[in-house]
């Protein structure tokens, strides 16, 4: 994250949520403990000026409670969309959306 993002990087999510780089690192660390085989695959990339849109697919198998539900041993597959603003070769801001409702089907 430190190499790919600006020091004032913001991750923008649902309902106006905005968190900085350290908070994103902490969230991904926790997510990796809950879903150790979590993997994102890039499906498509669009570039327009300093904006990059990435359509991806996340897969994994939760081994701990996830989104308030206990694990079942089943794996999920879900879509993600990220819109990144690039500034001087680093990501300054990211808007993202993951379809976690689809992932809940494994519970």
C-alpha atoms as a PDB file:
ATOM      1  CA  UNK A   1       0.000   0.000   0.000  1.00  0.00           C
ATOM      2  CA  UNK A   2       2.749   2.473   0.843  1.00  0.00           C
ATOM      3  CA  UNK A   3       4.412   2.010  -2.557  1.00  0.00           C
ATOM      4  CA  UNK A   4       1.172   2.186  -4.554  1.00  0.00           C
ATOM      5  CA  UNK A   5      -0.660   5.026  -2.780  1.00  0.00           C
ATOM      6  CA  UNK A   6      -0.081   8.666  -1.871  1.00  0.00           C
ATOM      7  CA  UNK A   7       0.436   9.514   1.825  1.00  0.00           C
ATOM      8  CA  UNK A   8      -3.026  11.153   1.879  1.00  0.00           C
ATOM      9  CA  UNK A   9      -4.719   8.236   0.067  1.00  0.00           C
ATOM     10  CA  UNK A  10      -8.443   7.837   0.710  1.00  0.00           C
ATOM     11  CA  UNK A  11     -10.537   4.723   0.239  1.00  0.00           C
ATOM     12  CA  UNK A  12     -14.156   5.693  -0.364  1.00  0.00           C
ATOM     13  CA  UNK A  13     -16.866   3.161   0.279  1.00  0.00           C
ATOM     14  CA  UNK A  14     -20.507   3.036   1.209  1.00  0.00           C
ATOM     15  CA  UNK A  15     -22.498   6.057   2.371  1.00  0.00           C
ATOM     16  CA  UNK A  16     -19.649   8.561   2.265  1.00  0.00           C
ATOM     17  CA  UNK A  17     -17.203   6.405   4.224  1.00  0.00           C
ATOM     18  CA  UNK A  18     -13.614   7.572   3.732  1.00  0.00           C
ATOM     19  CA  UNK A  19     -10.617   5.923   5.369  1.00  0.00           C
ATOM     20  CA  UNK A  20      -6.893   6.450   5.013  1.00  0.00           C
ATOM     21  CA  UNK A  21      -4.105   4.125   4.025  1.00  0.00           C
ATOM     22  CA  UNK A  22      -3.395   2.763   7.535  1.00  0.00           C
ATOM     23  CA  UNK A  23      -7.054   1.864   8.073  1.00  0.00           C
ATOM     24  CA  UNK A  24      -7.163   0.048   4.709  1.00  0.00           C
ATOM     25  CA  UNK A  25      -4.053  -1.951   5.642  1.00  0.00           C
ATOM     26  CA  UNK A  26      -5.662  -2.904   8.976  1.00  0.00           C
ATOM     27  CA  UNK A  27      -8.890  -3.973   7.243  1.00  0.00           C
ATOM     28  CA  UNK A  28      -7.080  -6.126   4.705  1.00  0.00           C
ATOM     29  CA  UNK A  29      -4.967  -7.689   7.454  1.00  0.00           C
ATOM     30  CA  UNK A  30      -8.132  -8.654   9.347  1.00  0.00           C
ATOM     31  CA  UNK A  31      -9.817  -9.845   6.146  1.00  0.00           C
ATOM     32  CA  UNK A  32      -6.790 -12.026   5.400  1.00  0.00           C
ATOM     33  CA  UNK A  33      -7.098 -13.661   8.820  1.00  0.00           C
ATOM     34  CA  UNK A  34     -10.794 -14.343   8.243  1.00  0.00           C
ATOM     35  CA  UNK A  35     -10.333 -15.477   4.627  1.00  0.00           C
ATOM     36  CA  UNK A  36      -6.710 -16.691   4.313  1.00  0.00           C
ATOM     37  CA  UNK A  37      -7.157 -17.838   0.702  1.00  0.00           C
ATOM     38  CA  UNK A  38      -8.744 -14.527  -0.382  1.00  0.00           C
ATOM     39  CA  UNK A  39      -7.777 -13.775  -3.960  1.00  0.00           C
ATOM     40  CA  UNK A  40      -8.741 -11.022  -6.371  1.00  0.00           C
ATOM     41  CA  UNK A  41      -8.578 -11.618 -10.127  1.00  0.00           C
ATOM     42  CA  UNK A  42      -8.620  -8.682 -12.514  1.00  0.00           C
ATOM     43  CA  UNK A  43     -11.268  -9.224 -15.187  1.00  0.00           C
ATOM     44  CA  UNK A  44     -11.176  -5.882 -17.029  1.00  0.00           C
ATOM     45  CA  UNK A  45      -9.382  -2.536 -16.823  1.00  0.00           C
ATOM     46  CA  UNK A  46     -10.472   0.760 -18.370  1.00  0.00           C
ATOM     47  CA  UNK A  47      -8.251   3.857 -18.379  1.00  0.00           C
ATOM     48  CA  UNK A  48      -9.455   7.407 -19.002  1.00  0.00           C
ATOM     49  CA  UNK A  49      -6.906  10.112 -18.243  1.00  0.00           C
ATOM     50  CA  UNK A  50      -5.882   9.710 -14.609  1.00  0.00           C
ATOM     51  CA  UNK A  51      -8.841   7.437 -13.766  1.00  0.00           C
ATOM     52  CA  UNK A  52      -8.549   3.644 -13.814  1.00  0.00           C
ATOM     53  CA  UNK A  53     -11.596   1.391 -13.452  1.00  0.00           C
ATOM     54  CA  UNK A  54     -10.971  -2.223 -12.479  1.00  0.00           C
ATOM     55  CA  UNK A  55     -13.633  -4.933 -12.601  1.00  0.00           C
ATOM     56  CA  UNK A  56     -12.473  -7.817 -10.487  1.00  0.00           C
ATOM     57  CA  UNK A  57     -13.609 -11.029  -8.916  1.00  0.00           C
ATOM     58  CA  UNK A  58     -12.909 -12.035  -5.327  1.00  0.00           C
ATOM     59  CA  UNK A  59     -12.841 -15.653  -4.189  1.00  0.00           C
ATOM     60  CA  UNK A  60     -12.167 -17.240  -0.844  1.00  0.00           C
ATOM     61  CA  UNK A  61     -13.260 -19.498   1.966  1.00  0.00           C
ATOM     62  CA  UNK A  62     -13.967 -17.847   5.339  1.00  0.00           C
ATOM     63  CA  UNK A  63     -12.538 -19.722   8.335  1.00  0.00           C
ATOM     64  CA  UNK A  64     -13.871 -17.267  10.937  1.00  0.00           C
ATOM     65  CA  UNK A  65     -17.123 -15.373  11.338  1.00  0.00           C
ATOM     66  CA  UNK A  66     -17.603 -13.071   8.354  1.00  0.00           C
ATOM     67  CA  UNK A  67     -20.204 -10.314   8.134  1.00  0.00           C
ATOM     68  CA  UNK A  68     -21.721 -11.687  11.333  1.00  0.00           C
ATOM     69  CA  UNK A  69     -22.104 -15.267  10.068  1.00  0.00           C
ATOM     70  CA  UNK A  70     -20.215 -18.377  11.123  1.00  0.00           C
ATOM     71  CA  UNK A  71     -18.184 -20.165   8.416  1.00  0.00           C
ATOM     72  CA  UNK A  72     -19.539 -23.241   6.651  1.00  0.00           C
ATOM     73  CA  UNK A  73     -16.386 -24.347   4.829  1.00  0.00           C
ATOM     74  CA  UNK A  74     -17.847 -23.260   1.494  1.00  0.00           C
ATOM     75  CA  UNK A  75     -16.041 -20.879  -0.857  1.00  0.00           C
ATOM     76  CA  UNK A  76     -17.508 -17.762  -2.427  1.00  0.00           C
ATOM     77  CA  UNK A  77     -17.036 -15.866  -5.681  1.00  0.00           C
ATOM     78  CA  UNK A  78     -18.153 -12.252  -6.003  1.00  0.00           C
ATOM     79  CA  UNK A  79     -17.647  -9.210  -8.212  1.00  0.00           C
ATOM     80  CA  UNK A  80     -15.824  -6.011  -7.290  1.00  0.00           C
ATOM     81  CA  UNK A  81     -15.523  -2.639  -9.001  1.00  0.00           C
ATOM     82  CA  UNK A  82     -12.807  -0.104  -8.143  1.00  0.00           C
ATOM     83  CA  UNK A  83     -12.310   3.375  -9.566  1.00  0.00           C
ATOM     84  CA  UNK A  84      -8.824   4.705  -8.849  1.00  0.00           C
ATOM     85  CA  UNK A  85      -7.577   8.270  -9.278  1.00  0.00           C
ATOM     86  CA  UNK A  86      -3.870   8.320 -10.129  1.00  0.00           C
ATOM     87  CA  UNK A  87      -1.625  11.221  -9.191  1.00  0.00           C
ATOM     88  CA  UNK A  88       2.082  11.231 -10.087  1.00  0.00           C
ATOM     89  CA  UNK A  89       2.060   7.447 -10.545  1.00  0.00           C
ATOM     90  CA  UNK A  90       0.371   6.635  -7.233  1.00  0.00           C
ATOM     91  CA  UNK A  91      -3.237   5.973  -6.247  1.00  0.00           C
ATOM     92  CA  UNK A  92      -4.659   9.017  -4.491  1.00  0.00           C
ATOM     93  CA  UNK A  93      -8.277   7.913  -4.122  1.00  0.00           C
ATOM     94  CA  UNK A  94     -10.234   4.712  -4.648  1.00  0.00           C
ATOM     95  CA  UNK A  95     -13.981   4.236  -4.845  1.00  0.00           C
ATOM     96  CA  UNK A  96     -14.912   0.610  -4.443  1.00  0.00           C
ATOM     97  CA  UNK A  97     -17.833  -1.741  -4.324  1.00  0.00           C
ATOM     98  CA  UNK A  98     -17.876  -5.443  -3.555  1.00  0.00           C
ATOM     99  CA  UNK A  99     -21.035  -7.520  -3.890  1.00  0.00           C
ATOM    100  CA  UNK A 100     -20.807  -9.229  -0.491  1.00  0.00           C
ATOM    101  CA  UNK A 101     -24.496 -10.227  -0.681  1.00  0.00           C
ATOM    102  CA  UNK A 102     -23.526 -12.838  -3.285  1.00  0.00           C
ATOM    103  CA  UNK A 103     -20.719 -14.061  -1.010  1.00  0.00           C
ATOM    104  CA  UNK A 104     -23.228 -14.607   1.806  1.00  0.00           C
ATOM    105  CA  UNK A 105     -24.782 -17.465  -0.201  1.00  0.00           C
ATOM    106  CA  UNK A 106     -22.086 -19.764   1.239  1.00  0.00           C
ATOM    107  CA  UNK A 107     -23.508 -19.389   4.754  1.00  0.00           C
END
